[in-house]
All heavy atoms as atom14 arrays in JSON, in Angstrom:
{
  "sequence": "DQRPYASTDLTDGQAAVTVPVAAADRAARIDG",
  "atom14_mask": [
    [1, 1, 1, 1, 1, 1, 1, 1, 0, 0, 0, 0, 0, 0],
    [1, 1, 1, 1, 1, 1, 1, 1, 1, 0, 0, 0, 0, 0],
    [1, 1, 1, 1, 1, 1, 1, 1, 1, 1, 1, 0, 0, 0],
    [1, 1, 1, 1, 1, 1, 1, 0, 0, 0, 0, 0, 0, 0],
    [1, 1, 1, 1, 1, 1, 1, 1, 1, 1, 1, 1, 0, 0],
    [1, 1, 1, 1, 1, 0, 0, 0, 0, 0, 0, 0, 0, 0],
    [1, 1, 1, 1, 1, 1, 0, 0, 0, 0, 0, 0, 0, 0],
    [1, 1, 1, 1, 1, 1, 1, 0, 0, 0, 0, 0, 0, 0],
    [1, 1, 1, 1, 1, 1, 1, 1, 0, 0, 0, 0, 0, 0],
    [1, 1, 1, 1, 1, 1, 1, 1, 0, 0, 0, 0, 0, 0],
    [1, 1, 1, 1, 1, 1, 1, 0, 0, 0, 0, 0, 0, 0],
    [1, 1, 1, 1, 1, 1, 1, 1, 0, 0, 0, 0, 0, 0],
    [1, 1, 1, 1, 0, 0, 0, 0, 0, 0, 0, 0, 0, 0],
    [1, 1, 1, 1, 1, 1, 1, 1, 1, 0, 0, 0, 0, 0],
    [1, 1, 1, 1, 1, 0, 0, 0, 0, 0, 0, 0, 0, 0],
    [1, 1, 1, 1, 1, 0, 0, 0, 0, 0, 0, 0, 0, 0],
    [1, 1, 1, 1, 1, 1, 1, 0, 0, 0, 0, 0, 0, 0],
    [1, 1, 1, 1, 1, 1, 1, 0, 0, 0, 0, 0, 0, 0],
    [1, 1, 1, 1, 1, 1, 1, 0, 0, 0, 0, 0, 0, 0],
    [1, 1, 1, 1, 1, 1, 1, 0, 0, 0, 0, 0, 0, 0],
    [1, 1, 1, 1, 1, 1, 1, 0, 0, 0, 0, 0, 0, 0],
    [1, 1, 1, 1, 1, 0, 0, 0, 0, 0, 0, 0, 0, 0],
    [1, 1, 1, 1, 1, 0, 0, 0, 0, 0, 0, 0, 0, 0],
    [1, 1, 1, 1, 1, 0, 0, 0, 0, 0, 0, 0, 0, 0],
    [1, 1, 1, 1, 1, 1, 1, 1, 0, 0, 0, 0, 0, 0],
    [1, 1, 1, 1, 1, 1, 1, 1, 1, 1, 1, 0, 0, 0],
    [1, 1, 1, 1, 1, 0, 0, 0, 0, 0, 0, 0, 0, 0],
    [1, 1, 1, 1, 1, 0, 0, 0, 0, 0, 0, 0, 0, 0],
    [1, 1, 1, 1, 1, 1, 1, 1, 1, 1, 1, 0, 0, 0],
    [1, 1, 1, 1, 1, 1, 1, 1, 0, 0, 0, 0, 0, 0],
    [1, 1, 1, 1, 1, 1, 1, 1, 0, 0, 0, 0, 0, 0],
    [1, 1, 1, 1, 0, 0, 0, 0, 0, 0, 0, 0, 0, 0]
  ],
  "atom14_positions": [
    [[5.38, 72.8, -161.36], [4.24, 71.93, -161.04], [3.12, 72.74, -160.37], [2.57, 72.34, -159.36], [4.68, 70.74, -160.19], [5.58, 69.81, -160.97], [5.48, 69.78, -162.21], [6.4, 69.13, -160.34], [0.0, 0.0, 0.0], [0.0, 0.0, 0.0], [0.0, 0.0, 0.0], [0.0, 0.0, 0.0], [0.0, 0.0, 0.0], [0.0, 0.0, 0.0]],
    [[2.84, 73.9, -160.95], [1.74, 74.79, -160.57], [1.91, 75.43, -159.19], [0.97, 75.96, -158.63], [0.4, 74.06, -160.65], [0.13, 73.53, -162.03], [-1.16, 72.76, -162.12], [-1.91, 72.65, -161.16], [-1.43, 72.23, -163.29], [0.0, 0.0, 0.0], [0.0, 0.0, 0.0], [0.0, 0.0, 0.0], [0.0, 0.0, 0.0], [0.0, 0.0, 0.0]],
    [[3.12, 75.41, -158.65], [3.38, 76.07, -157.37], [4.33, 77.23, -157.59], [5.33, 77.09, -158.3], [4.01, 75.08, -156.38], [3.08, 73.94, -156.01], [3.75, 73.04, -155.01], [4.13, 73.81, -153.82], [3.63, 73.62, -152.62], [2.76, 72.69, -152.42], [4.02, 74.37, -151.62], [0.0, 0.0, 0.0], [0.0, 0.0, 0.0], [0.0, 0.0, 0.0]],
    [[4.06, 78.39, -157.0], [4.97, 79.54, -157.17], [6.28, 79.3, -156.43], [6.28, 78.85, -155.29], [4.19, 80.7, -156.55], [3.26, 80.06, -155.58], [2.93, 78.69, -156.14], [0.0, 0.0, 0.0], [0.0, 0.0, 0.0], [0.0, 0.0, 0.0], [0.0, 0.0, 0.0], [0.0, 0.0, 0.0], [0.0, 0.0, 0.0], [0.0, 0.0, 0.0]],
    [[7.4, 79.57, -157.11], [8.7, 79.35, -156.49], [9.61, 80.56, -156.54], [10.42, 80.73, -155.65], [9.41, 78.16, -157.12], [8.95, 76.85, -156.54], [8.1, 76.04, -157.25], [9.36, 76.45, -155.27], [7.66, 74.85, -156.7], [8.92, 75.27, -154.72], [8.07, 74.46, -155.44], [7.63, 73.29, -154.91], [0.0, 0.0, 0.0], [0.0, 0.0, 0.0]],
    [[9.56, 81.37, -157.58], [10.54, 82.45, -157.67], [9.98, 83.6, -158.49], [9.16, 83.42, -159.38], [11.82, 81.94, -158.31], [0.0, 0.0, 0.0], [0.0, 0.0, 0.0], [0.0, 0.0, 0.0], [0.0, 0.0, 0.0], [0.0, 0.0, 0.0], [0.0, 0.0, 0.0], [0.0, 0.0, 0.0], [0.0, 0.0, 0.0], [0.0, 0.0, 0.0]],
    [[10.46, 84.78, -158.16], [10.19, 85.98, -158.93], [11.51, 86.73, -159.0], [12.14, 86.97, -157.96], [9.12, 86.83, -158.24], [8.85, 87.99, -158.99], [0.0, 0.0, 0.0], [0.0, 0.0, 0.0], [0.0, 0.0, 0.0], [0.0, 0.0, 0.0], [0.0, 0.0, 0.0], [0.0, 0.0, 0.0], [0.0, 0.0, 0.0], [0.0, 0.0, 0.0]],
    [[11.96, 87.06, -160.21], [13.26, 87.7, -160.34], [13.27, 88.69, -161.49], [12.55, 88.52, -162.47], [14.38, 86.65, -160.5], [15.64, 87.29, -160.39], [14.29, 85.92, -161.82], [0.0, 0.0, 0.0], [0.0, 0.0, 0.0], [0.0, 0.0, 0.0], [0.0, 0.0, 0.0], [0.0, 0.0, 0.0], [0.0, 0.0, 0.0], [0.0, 0.0, 0.0]],
    [[14.09, 89.72, -161.35], [14.26, 90.7, -162.41], [15.26, 90.18, -163.44], [16.18, 89.43, -163.1], [14.78, 92.02, -161.84], [13.76, 92.69, -160.93], [12.55, 92.48, -161.12], [14.19, 93.43, -160.03], [0.0, 0.0, 0.0], [0.0, 0.0, 0.0], [0.0, 0.0, 0.0], [0.0, 0.0, 0.0], [0.0, 0.0, 0.0], [0.0, 0.0, 0.0]],
    [[15.07, 90.57, -164.7], [16.0, 90.2, -165.76], [17.05, 91.28, -165.92], [16.77, 92.46, -165.75], [15.26, 90.01, -167.09], [14.62, 88.64, -167.28], [13.38, 88.5, -166.46], [14.32, 88.42, -168.73], [0.0, 0.0, 0.0], [0.0, 0.0, 0.0], [0.0, 0.0, 0.0], [0.0, 0.0, 0.0], [0.0, 0.0, 0.0], [0.0, 0.0, 0.0]],
    [[18.27, 90.87, -166.25], [19.36, 91.78, -166.56], [19.8, 91.46, -167.98], [20.12, 90.31, -168.28], [20.54, 91.59, -165.59], [20.06, 91.79, -164.25], [21.66, 92.56, -165.88], [0.0, 0.0, 0.0], [0.0, 0.0, 0.0], [0.0, 0.0, 0.0], [0.0, 0.0, 0.0], [0.0, 0.0, 0.0], [0.0, 0.0, 0.0], [0.0, 0.0, 0.0]],
    [[19.79, 92.45, -168.84], [20.14, 92.26, -170.24], [19.33, 91.14, -170.88], [19.84, 90.35, -171.67], [21.63, 91.98, -170.41], [22.5, 93.16, -169.98], [22.05, 94.31, -170.18], [23.58, 92.92, -169.44], [0.0, 0.0, 0.0], [0.0, 0.0, 0.0], [0.0, 0.0, 0.0], [0.0, 0.0, 0.0], [0.0, 0.0, 0.0], [0.0, 0.0, 0.0]],
    [[18.06, 91.04, -170.5], [17.16, 90.05, -171.1], [17.35, 88.63, -170.61], [16.8, 87.71, -171.2], [0.0, 0.0, 0.0], [0.0, 0.0, 0.0], [0.0, 0.0, 0.0], [0.0, 0.0, 0.0], [0.0, 0.0, 0.0], [0.0, 0.0, 0.0], [0.0, 0.0, 0.0], [0.0, 0.0, 0.0], [0.0, 0.0, 0.0], [0.0, 0.0, 0.0]],
    [[18.08, 88.45, -169.5], [18.34, 87.1, -169.0], [18.22, 87.05, -167.48], [18.42, 88.06, -166.8], [19.74, 86.65, -169.39], [19.94, 86.58, -170.89], [21.31, 86.07, -171.24], [21.67, 84.97, -170.84], [22.08, 86.86, -171.96], [0.0, 0.0, 0.0], [0.0, 0.0, 0.0], [0.0, 0.0, 0.0], [0.0, 0.0, 0.0], [0.0, 0.0, 0.0]],
    [[17.9, 85.86, -166.99], [17.85, 85.65, -165.54], [18.21, 84.2, -165.23], [17.89, 83.3, -166.0], [16.47, 85.97, -165.0], [0.0, 0.0, 0.0], [0.0, 0.0, 0.0], [0.0, 0.0, 0.0], [0.0, 0.0, 0.0], [0.0, 0.0, 0.0], [0.0, 0.0, 0.0], [0.0, 0.0, 0.0], [0.0, 0.0, 0.0], [0.0, 0.0, 0.0]],
    [[18.87, 83.99, -164.1], [19.12, 82.66, -163.58], [18.22, 82.48, -162.37], [18.2, 83.34, -161.48], [20.58, 82.5, -163.2], [0.0, 0.0, 0.0], [0.0, 0.0, 0.0], [0.0, 0.0, 0.0], [0.0, 0.0, 0.0], [0.0, 0.0, 0.0], [0.0, 0.0, 0.0], [0.0, 0.0, 0.0], [0.0, 0.0, 0.0], [0.0, 0.0, 0.0]],
    [[17.47, 81.39, -162.35], [16.5, 81.16, -161.28], [16.77, 79.77, -160.69], [16.9, 78.8, -161.43], [15.05, 81.21, -161.83], [14.06, 81.0, -160.72], [14.8, 82.52, -162.55], [0.0, 0.0, 0.0], [0.0, 0.0, 0.0], [0.0, 0.0, 0.0], [0.0, 0.0, 0.0], [0.0, 0.0, 0.0], [0.0, 0.0, 0.0], [0.0, 0.0, 0.0]],
    [[16.84, 79.69, -159.37], [17.01, 78.41, -158.7], [15.77, 78.14, -157.86], [15.36, 78.97, -157.07], [18.26, 78.42, -157.8], [19.4, 78.71, -158.6], [18.45, 77.08, -157.1], [0.0, 0.0, 0.0], [0.0, 0.0, 0.0], [0.0, 0.0, 0.0], [0.0, 0.0, 0.0], [0.0, 0.0, 0.0], [0.0, 0.0, 0.0], [0.0, 0.0, 0.0]],
    [[15.17, 76.96, -158.07], [13.98, 76.57, -157.31], [14.19, 75.17, -156.75], [14.86, 74.34, -157.36], [12.7, 76.61, -158.17], [12.39, 78.0, -158.63], [12.81, 75.67, -159.35], [0.0, 0.0, 0.0], [0.0, 0.0, 0.0], [0.0, 0.0, 0.0], [0.0, 0.0, 0.0], [0.0, 0.0, 0.0], [0.0, 0.0, 0.0], [0.0, 0.0, 0.0]],
    [[13.63, 74.9, -155.56], [13.72, 73.54, -155.02], [12.88, 72.6, -155.88], [11.85, 72.99, -156.4], [13.16, 73.66, -153.61], [12.36, 74.91, -153.61], [12.92, 75.8, -154.67], [0.0, 0.0, 0.0], [0.0, 0.0, 0.0], [0.0, 0.0, 0.0], [0.0, 0.0, 0.0], [0.0, 0.0, 0.0], [0.0, 0.0, 0.0], [0.0, 0.0, 0.0]],
    [[13.35, 71.38, -156.04], [12.59, 70.39, -156.8], [11.63, 69.71, -155.84], [12.07, 69.04, -154.91], [13.53, 69.36, -157.45], [12.74, 68.3, -158.17], [14.47, 70.06, -158.41], [0.0, 0.0, 0.0], [0.0, 0.0, 0.0], [0.0, 0.0, 0.0], [0.0, 0.0, 0.0], [0.0, 0.0, 0.0], [0.0, 0.0, 0.0], [0.0, 0.0, 0.0]],
    [[10.34, 69.89, -156.06], [9.37, 69.39, -155.1], [8.49, 68.27, -155.65], [7.93, 67.52, -154.89], [8.49, 70.55, -154.63], [0.0, 0.0, 0.0], [0.0, 0.0, 0.0], [0.0, 0.0, 0.0], [0.0, 0.0, 0.0], [0.0, 0.0, 0.0], [0.0, 0.0, 0.0], [0.0, 0.0, 0.0], [0.0, 0.0, 0.0], [0.0, 0.0, 0.0]],
    [[8.39, 68.16, -156.96], [7.46, 67.18, -157.51], [8.11, 66.44, -158.66], [9.06, 66.9, -159.27], [6.19, 67.88, -157.98], [0.0, 0.0, 0.0], [0.0, 0.0, 0.0], [0.0, 0.0, 0.0], [0.0, 0.0, 0.0], [0.0, 0.0, 0.0], [0.0, 0.0, 0.0], [0.0, 0.0, 0.0], [0.0, 0.0, 0.0], [0.0, 0.0, 0.0]],
    [[7.57, 65.29, -158.97], [8.18, 64.44, -160.0], [7.82, 64.88, -161.42], [8.59, 64.69, -162.34], [7.76, 63.0, -159.78], [0.0, 0.0, 0.0], [0.0, 0.0, 0.0], [0.0, 0.0, 0.0], [0.0, 0.0, 0.0], [0.0, 0.0, 0.0], [0.0, 0.0, 0.0], [0.0, 0.0, 0.0], [0.0, 0.0, 0.0], [0.0, 0.0, 0.0]],
    [[6.65, 65.45, -161.61], [6.19, 65.8, -162.96], [7.05, 66.89, -163.58], [7.4, 66.84, -164.74], [4.72, 66.22, -162.92], [4.14, 66.35, -164.31], [4.63, 65.65, -165.22], [3.21, 67.15, -164.48], [0.0, 0.0, 0.0], [0.0, 0.0, 0.0], [0.0, 0.0, 0.0], [0.0, 0.0, 0.0], [0.0, 0.0, 0.0], [0.0, 0.0, 0.0]],
    [[7.37, 67.91, -162.86], [8.28, 69.0, -163.21], [7.97, 69.69, -164.53], [8.72, 69.61, -165.48], [9.71, 68.51, -163.17], [10.06, 68.12, -161.77], [11.46, 68.13, -161.36], [12.48, 68.37, -162.33], [13.62, 67.74, -162.36], [13.85, 66.77, -161.52], [14.53, 68.05, -163.23], [0.0, 0.0, 0.0], [0.0, 0.0, 0.0], [0.0, 0.0, 0.0]],
    [[6.88, 70.38, -164.53], [6.58, 71.31, -165.6], [6.8, 72.71, -165.03], [6.44, 72.98, -163.89], [5.15, 71.15, -166.09], [0.0, 0.0, 0.0], [0.0, 0.0, 0.0], [0.0, 0.0, 0.0], [0.0, 0.0, 0.0], [0.0, 0.0, 0.0], [0.0, 0.0, 0.0], [0.0, 0.0, 0.0], [0.0, 0.0, 0.0], [0.0, 0.0, 0.0]],
    [[7.41, 73.59, -165.82], [7.63, 74.96, -165.36], [6.79, 75.91, -166.18], [6.72, 75.81, -167.4], [9.1, 75.33, -165.49], [0.0, 0.0, 0.0], [0.0, 0.0, 0.0], [0.0, 0.0, 0.0], [0.0, 0.0, 0.0], [0.0, 0.0, 0.0], [0.0, 0.0, 0.0], [0.0, 0.0, 0.0], [0.0, 0.0, 0.0], [0.0, 0.0, 0.0]],
    [[6.12, 76.82, -165.49], [5.42, 77.92, -166.15], [6.17, 79.19, -165.79], [6.48, 79.44, -164.62], [3.98, 78.02, -165.69], [3.22, 79.1, -166.5], [1.79, 79.26, -166.07], [1.73, 80.29, -165.05], [0.99, 80.25, -163.95], [0.27, 79.2, -163.69], [1.01, 81.23, -163.1], [0.0, 0.0, 0.0], [0.0, 0.0, 0.0], [0.0, 0.0, 0.0]],
    [[6.45, 79.98, -166.79], [7.15, 81.23, -166.58], [6.27, 82.35, -167.12], [5.86, 82.32, -168.28], [8.51, 81.24, -167.28], [9.36, 80.11, -166.7], [9.22, 82.57, -167.1], [10.19, 79.43, -167.7], [0.0, 0.0, 0.0], [0.0, 0.0, 0.0], [0.0, 0.0, 0.0], [0.0, 0.0, 0.0], [0.0, 0.0, 0.0], [0.0, 0.0, 0.0]],
    [[5.93, 83.29, -166.25], [5.16, 84.47, -166.65], [6.12, 85.65, -166.73], [6.91, 85.87, -165.81], [4.06, 84.78, -165.64], [2.95, 83.74, -165.63], [2.82, 83.02, -166.64], [2.22, 83.66, -164.63], [0.0, 0.0, 0.0], [0.0, 0.0, 0.0], [0.0, 0.0, 0.0], [0.0, 0.0, 0.0], [0.0, 0.0, 0.0], [0.0, 0.0, 0.0]],
    [[6.06, 86.4, -167.83], [6.93, 87.55, -168.02], [6.16, 88.84, -167.88], [5.04, 88.97, -168.38], [0.0, 0.0, 0.0], [0.0, 0.0, 0.0], [0.0, 0.0, 0.0], [0.0, 0.0, 0.0], [0.0, 0.0, 0.0], [0.0, 0.0, 0.0], [0.0, 0.0, 0.0], [0.0, 0.0, 0.0], [0.0, 0.0, 0.0], [0.0, 0.0, 0.0]]
  ]
}
């Protein structure tokens, strides 16, 4: 929902990311 929550490195092309749920709309933007 347009708020920065996590930055993580990928291992073997994959990553698990946990973010707190703060808003009802819940759209995720992921920049690589």
